Amino acid sequence: MSFTHLRSRREGAVEHLTLDRPEVRNAFNEEMIGELLEWAEARHADATVRAAVVRGAGPVFSAGGDLAWMAKTVGYTREQNLRDADTLARLYSRLDTLPFPLVACVHGAALGGGSGLAAVCDIVIASRDAVFGFTEVRLGILPGVISPFVVAKIGQSAARQLFLTGERFTAGRAREIGLVHAVVEPGELEAEARRVVDAILACGPKAVAATKALVRSVSAGPPSDLAALTAGALADARTSDEGQEGLRAFLEKRRASWRADGEEGGARR
């Protein structure tokens, strides 16, 4: 699969995806959005991927919307804007529902849609000097298509503060509100990504996919309404081939079949 604005590379069961428009701070335009959507659609159908790491080329992760793209949308009709926004919404949805963990390594700035991209990633590692911001209101627009994913990640209180002011905030603040999971020194991003991906590869791949789907499902209602769903999910997992292998390996004090030596260290670039 060949792209113009992305770099995609496989290393074992790990996919490395790089936003590759450093000359415009990895800003989103129609072409990059289309390529990201194409990548996500293909990975939904690829059962061999067990984790993906997303990075930005150059000095920042992503500065959000491309100025030339935004200039074009000024002249769009409402129908054209709807089509444009619908494509972006489908992209975030497909990234959010990938059947494997999506890990973001954020450095520099992640603004607007860049912060939205971080929000749909399962695990976010940020450089201590990284800066985030939902800056749309400062342009007289709003964080429309990213809002469901961001509010689910950081909650209404933080979303109201950050959406309504458009203020930029630090990696430390991002960790406080749950947008970021680990803050490390700039030179430690890759080592932390390797540690996270190695932890993922030590887990049952089908169990990881099912657990990711389960988190989305249980977020939709109170525990009392979800008892049948969660009980069924656990019963299915215990009786699956992977569940049987994992439990037997634990009881027999041996490595489970998915922890082959060749898969360890798969996060290394």
Protein backbone atom coordinates (compact mmCIF):
# COMPACT_ATOMS: atom_id res chain seq x y z
CA MET A 1 0.00 0.00 0.00
CA SER A 2 1.58 3.27 -1.18
CA PHE A 3 0.78 6.70 0.27
CA THR A 4 1.82 10.29 -0.38
CA HIS A 5 1.22 11.81 3.05
CA LEU A 6 1.76 8.76 5.26
CA ARG A 7 4.55 6.28 5.85
CA SER A 8 3.46 2.78 6.82
CA ARG A 9 5.84 0.01 7.80
CA ARG A 10 5.32 -3.45 9.28
CA GLU A 11 7.67 -5.03 11.77
CA GLY A 12 6.38 -8.46 12.70
CA ALA A 13 2.89 -8.02 14.11
CA VAL A 14 3.39 -4.29 14.71
CA GLU A 15 2.44 -1.55 12.26
CA HIS A 16 4.34 1.75 12.35
CA LEU A 17 2.33 4.65 10.90
CA THR A 18 3.87 8.11 10.45
CA LEU A 19 2.03 11.28 9.47
CA ASP A 20 4.39 12.55 6.79
CA ARG A 21 3.71 16.20 5.95
CA PRO A 22 6.44 17.83 8.05
CA GLU A 23 6.55 20.89 5.80
CA VAL A 24 3.06 21.85 7.07
CA ARG A 25 3.44 20.39 10.58
CA ASN A 26 1.56 17.21 9.59
CA ALA A 27 -1.65 19.17 9.14
CA PHE A 28 -4.74 17.37 7.87
CA ASN A 29 -6.07 17.94 4.35
CA GLU A 30 -8.45 15.93 2.17
CA GLU A 31 -5.67 13.76 0.78
CA MET A 32 -4.17 12.81 4.14
CA ILE A 33 -7.61 12.17 5.62
CA GLY A 34 -8.39 9.90 2.65
CA GLU A 35 -5.12 8.02 3.07
CA LEU A 36 -5.66 7.57 6.80
CA LEU A 37 -9.15 6.24 6.13
CA GLU A 38 -7.78 3.85 3.49
CA TRP A 39 -5.14 2.65 5.97
CA ALA A 40 -7.72 2.12 8.71
CA GLU A 41 -10.12 0.24 6.43
CA ALA A 42 -7.34 -2.10 5.30
CA ARG A 43 -6.18 -2.77 8.86
CA HIS A 44 -9.70 -3.66 9.98
CA ALA A 45 -9.45 -6.59 7.56
CA ASP A 46 -5.90 -7.61 8.54
CA ALA A 47 -5.93 -10.13 11.39
CA THR A 48 -2.13 -10.27 11.49
CA VAL A 49 -1.74 -6.80 13.03
CA ARG A 50 -1.59 -6.86 16.84
CA ALA A 51 -0.65 -3.23 17.52
CA ALA A 52 0.05 0.01 15.68
CA VAL A 53 2.19 2.98 16.70
CA VAL A 54 1.32 6.43 15.29
CA ARG A 55 3.92 9.17 15.06
CA GLY A 56 4.42 12.51 13.36
CA ALA A 57 7.37 13.30 11.09
CA GLY A 58 9.41 16.39 11.86
CA PRO A 59 9.09 18.67 14.90
CA VAL A 60 5.39 18.11 15.76
CA PHE A 61 2.77 15.36 15.92
CA SER A 62 0.03 17.28 14.07
CA ALA A 63 -0.97 20.94 13.96
CA GLY A 64 -4.60 20.10 13.05
CA GLY A 65 -6.26 21.42 9.91
CA ASP A 66 -4.20 22.48 6.90
CA LEU A 67 -4.53 26.20 6.12
CA ALA A 68 -4.99 25.61 2.38
CA TRP A 69 -7.69 23.02 3.09
CA MET A 70 -9.48 25.36 5.50
CA ALA A 71 -9.30 28.16 2.92
CA LYS A 72 -11.10 25.91 0.43
CA THR A 73 -13.86 25.06 2.90
CA VAL A 74 -14.68 28.77 3.32
CA GLY A 75 -16.25 28.62 -0.13
CA TYR A 76 -18.01 25.26 0.37
CA THR A 77 -21.79 25.00 0.43
CA ARG A 78 -23.40 23.38 3.46
CA GLU A 79 -23.80 20.15 1.47
CA GLN A 80 -20.11 20.16 0.53
CA ASN A 81 -19.18 20.79 4.16
CA LEU A 82 -21.40 17.90 5.24
CA ARG A 83 -19.63 15.52 2.84
CA ASP A 84 -16.24 16.78 4.00
CA ALA A 85 -17.12 16.41 7.69
CA ASP A 86 -18.68 13.00 7.13
CA THR A 87 -15.42 11.67 5.70
CA LEU A 88 -13.52 12.98 8.71
CA ALA A 89 -16.09 11.47 11.09
CA ARG A 90 -15.76 8.08 9.37
CA LEU A 91 -11.99 8.28 9.75
CA TYR A 92 -12.10 8.84 13.51
CA SER A 93 -14.74 6.14 13.91
CA ARG A 94 -12.69 3.56 11.98
CA LEU A 95 -9.56 4.41 13.95
CA ASP A 96 -11.50 4.19 17.21
CA THR A 97 -12.86 0.73 16.39
CA LEU A 98 -9.67 -0.89 15.11
CA PRO A 99 -9.51 -4.42 16.57
CA PHE A 100 -6.01 -3.89 17.98
CA PRO A 101 -4.45 -1.23 20.24
CA LEU A 102 -3.47 2.05 18.64
CA VAL A 103 -0.55 3.70 20.43
CA ALA A 104 0.30 7.37 19.86
CA CYS A 105 3.76 8.88 20.38
CA VAL A 106 3.11 12.63 20.66
CA HIS A 107 5.87 15.21 20.46
CA GLY A 108 5.79 18.92 19.73
CA ALA A 109 2.21 20.04 19.18
CA ALA A 110 -1.05 18.11 18.82
CA LEU A 111 -3.71 20.69 18.07
CA GLY A 112 -7.33 20.49 16.89
CA GLY A 113 -7.66 17.30 14.87
CA GLY A 114 -4.22 16.26 16.12
CA SER A 115 -5.55 16.18 19.68
CA GLY A 116 -8.59 14.39 18.29
CA LEU A 117 -6.32 11.75 16.80
CA ALA A 118 -4.70 11.28 20.20
CA ALA A 119 -8.17 10.87 21.72
CA VAL A 120 -9.04 7.89 19.50
CA CYS A 121 -5.77 6.13 20.34
CA ASP A 122 -5.96 3.52 23.08
CA ILE A 123 -2.65 4.45 24.68
CA VAL A 124 -0.99 7.86 24.36
CA ILE A 125 2.62 8.56 25.25
CA ALA A 126 3.65 12.21 25.22
CA SER A 127 6.95 14.00 25.36
CA ARG A 128 7.16 16.27 28.40
CA ASP A 129 7.39 19.32 26.14
CA ALA A 130 4.33 18.37 24.03
CA VAL A 131 1.46 20.85 23.77
CA PHE A 132 -2.21 20.01 23.17
CA GLY A 133 -5.23 22.11 22.33
CA PHE A 134 -8.80 21.98 21.05
CA THR A 135 -8.41 25.33 19.33
CA GLU A 136 -11.38 25.28 16.96
CA VAL A 137 -13.43 27.98 18.76
CA ARG A 138 -10.60 30.46 18.20
CA LEU A 139 -11.32 30.08 14.49
CA GLY A 140 -15.06 30.55 15.01
CA ILE A 141 -15.81 26.86 14.44
CA LEU A 142 -16.17 23.91 16.81
CA PRO A 143 -14.60 20.49 17.48
CA GLY A 144 -17.56 18.73 15.89
CA VAL A 145 -16.56 15.27 14.67
CA ILE A 146 -13.88 14.71 17.32
CA SER A 147 -16.13 15.67 20.23
CA PRO A 148 -17.67 12.20 20.92
CA PHE A 149 -14.22 10.63 21.17
CA VAL A 150 -12.69 13.43 23.21
CA VAL A 151 -15.59 13.67 25.69
CA ALA A 152 -15.50 9.88 26.12
CA LYS A 153 -11.79 10.14 26.90
CA ILE A 154 -11.57 13.22 29.15
CA GLY A 155 -15.14 13.72 30.43
CA GLN A 156 -17.56 16.63 30.20
CA SER A 157 -15.90 18.88 32.77
CA ALA A 158 -12.48 18.99 31.12
CA ALA A 159 -14.08 19.12 27.66
CA ARG A 160 -16.14 22.17 28.59
CA GLN A 161 -13.11 24.01 29.88
CA LEU A 162 -10.82 23.17 26.98
CA PHE A 163 -13.38 23.28 24.16
CA LEU A 164 -14.86 26.60 25.26
CA THR A 165 -11.58 28.46 25.77
CA GLY A 166 -9.50 26.92 22.98
CA GLU A 167 -6.53 27.16 25.33
CA ARG A 168 -3.42 25.12 24.77
CA PHE A 169 -2.35 22.83 27.60
CA THR A 170 0.68 20.85 28.66
CA ALA A 171 1.38 17.13 28.51
CA GLY A 172 1.07 17.08 32.29
CA ARG A 173 -2.44 18.52 32.13
CA ALA A 174 -3.29 16.08 29.34
CA ARG A 175 -2.28 13.24 31.62
CA GLU A 176 -4.36 14.62 34.50
CA ILE A 177 -7.52 14.53 32.38
CA GLY A 178 -6.85 11.13 30.78
CA LEU A 179 -5.98 12.23 27.26
CA VAL A 180 -2.40 11.05 27.82
CA HIS A 181 -1.31 7.96 29.76
CA ALA A 182 2.43 8.50 30.12
CA VAL A 183 4.64 11.59 30.01
CA VAL A 184 8.31 10.98 29.33
CA GLU A 185 11.42 12.94 28.49
CA PRO A 186 11.78 13.70 24.75
CA GLY A 187 14.50 11.09 24.28
CA GLU A 188 12.46 8.36 25.97
CA LEU A 189 9.40 8.25 23.66
CA GLU A 190 10.62 5.29 21.61
CA ALA A 191 11.72 3.26 24.63
CA GLU A 192 8.30 3.75 26.25
CA ALA A 193 6.58 2.78 22.99
CA ARG A 194 8.63 -0.43 22.88
CA ARG A 195 7.68 -1.22 26.48
CA VAL A 196 3.96 -0.66 25.80
CA VAL A 197 3.93 -2.71 22.59
CA ASP A 198 5.87 -5.56 24.20
CA ALA A 199 3.22 -5.62 26.95
CA ILE A 200 0.48 -5.82 24.29
CA LEU A 201 2.27 -8.65 22.48
CA ALA A 202 2.36 -10.64 25.71
CA CYS A 203 -1.46 -10.74 25.71
CA GLY A 204 -3.85 -12.93 23.74
CA PRO A 205 -4.60 -11.06 20.49
CA LYS A 206 -8.24 -12.16 20.33
CA ALA A 207 -8.69 -11.32 24.00
CA VAL A 208 -7.26 -7.84 23.39
CA ALA A 209 -9.64 -7.23 20.47
CA ALA A 210 -12.63 -8.47 22.45
CA THR A 211 -11.66 -6.42 25.49
CA LYS A 212 -11.32 -3.26 23.43
CA ALA A 213 -14.83 -3.83 22.05
CA LEU A 214 -16.10 -4.61 25.56
CA VAL A 215 -14.84 -1.28 26.91
CA ARG A 216 -16.89 0.56 24.30
CA SER A 217 -19.97 -1.52 25.08
CA VAL A 218 -19.87 -1.15 28.85
CA SER A 219 -19.39 2.60 28.54
CA ALA A 220 -22.89 2.83 27.08
CA GLY A 221 -24.91 2.11 30.23
CA PRO A 222 -25.02 1.37 33.97
CA PRO A 223 -23.57 -1.95 35.26
CA SER A 224 -27.02 -3.31 36.08
CA ASP A 225 -27.98 -3.15 32.41
CA LEU A 226 -24.78 -4.81 31.24
CA ALA A 227 -24.65 -7.97 33.36
CA ALA A 228 -25.77 -10.31 30.57
CA LEU A 229 -23.38 -8.75 28.06
CA THR A 230 -20.34 -8.94 30.33
CA ALA A 231 -21.14 -12.45 31.60
CA GLY A 232 -21.56 -13.68 28.04
CA ALA A 233 -18.30 -12.04 26.97
CA LEU A 234 -16.39 -13.74 29.80
CA ALA A 235 -17.97 -17.13 29.09
CA ASP A 236 -17.14 -16.82 25.39
CA ALA A 237 -13.54 -15.91 26.17
CA ARG A 238 -13.03 -18.78 28.63
CA THR A 239 -14.33 -21.36 26.17
CA SER A 240 -12.49 -19.98 23.12
CA ASP A 241 -9.36 -21.67 21.76
CA GLU A 242 -7.26 -18.74 22.90
CA GLY A 243 -8.82 -18.64 26.36
CA GLN A 244 -8.30 -22.38 26.83
CA GLU A 245 -4.67 -22.06 25.72
CA GLY A 246 -4.02 -19.10 28.02
CA LEU A 247 -5.55 -20.73 31.08
CA ARG A 248 -3.78 -24.04 30.48
CA ALA A 249 -0.45 -22.28 29.93
CA PHE A 250 -0.86 -20.45 33.24
CA LEU A 251 -1.74 -23.63 35.11
CA GLU A 252 1.08 -25.56 33.44
CA LYS A 253 3.59 -22.74 34.12
CA ARG A 254 4.57 -22.35 30.47
CA ARG A 255 4.43 -19.60 27.87
CA ALA A 256 1.18 -19.20 25.93
CA SER A 257 1.40 -19.90 22.20
CA TRP A 258 1.02 -16.25 21.16
CA ARG A 259 4.16 -15.30 23.14
CA ALA A 260 6.56 -16.66 20.57
CA ASP A 261 10.10 -15.30 20.88
CA GLY A 262 9.90 -13.87 17.39
CA GLU A 263 7.11 -11.51 18.45
CA GLU A 264 8.88 -9.93 21.39
CA GLY A 265 10.56 -6.59 20.78
CA GLY A 266 8.28 -5.98 17.80
CA ALA A 267 7.96 -2.27 18.60
CA ARG A 268 11.55 -1.50 17.65
CA ARG A 269 11.84 0.86 14.73
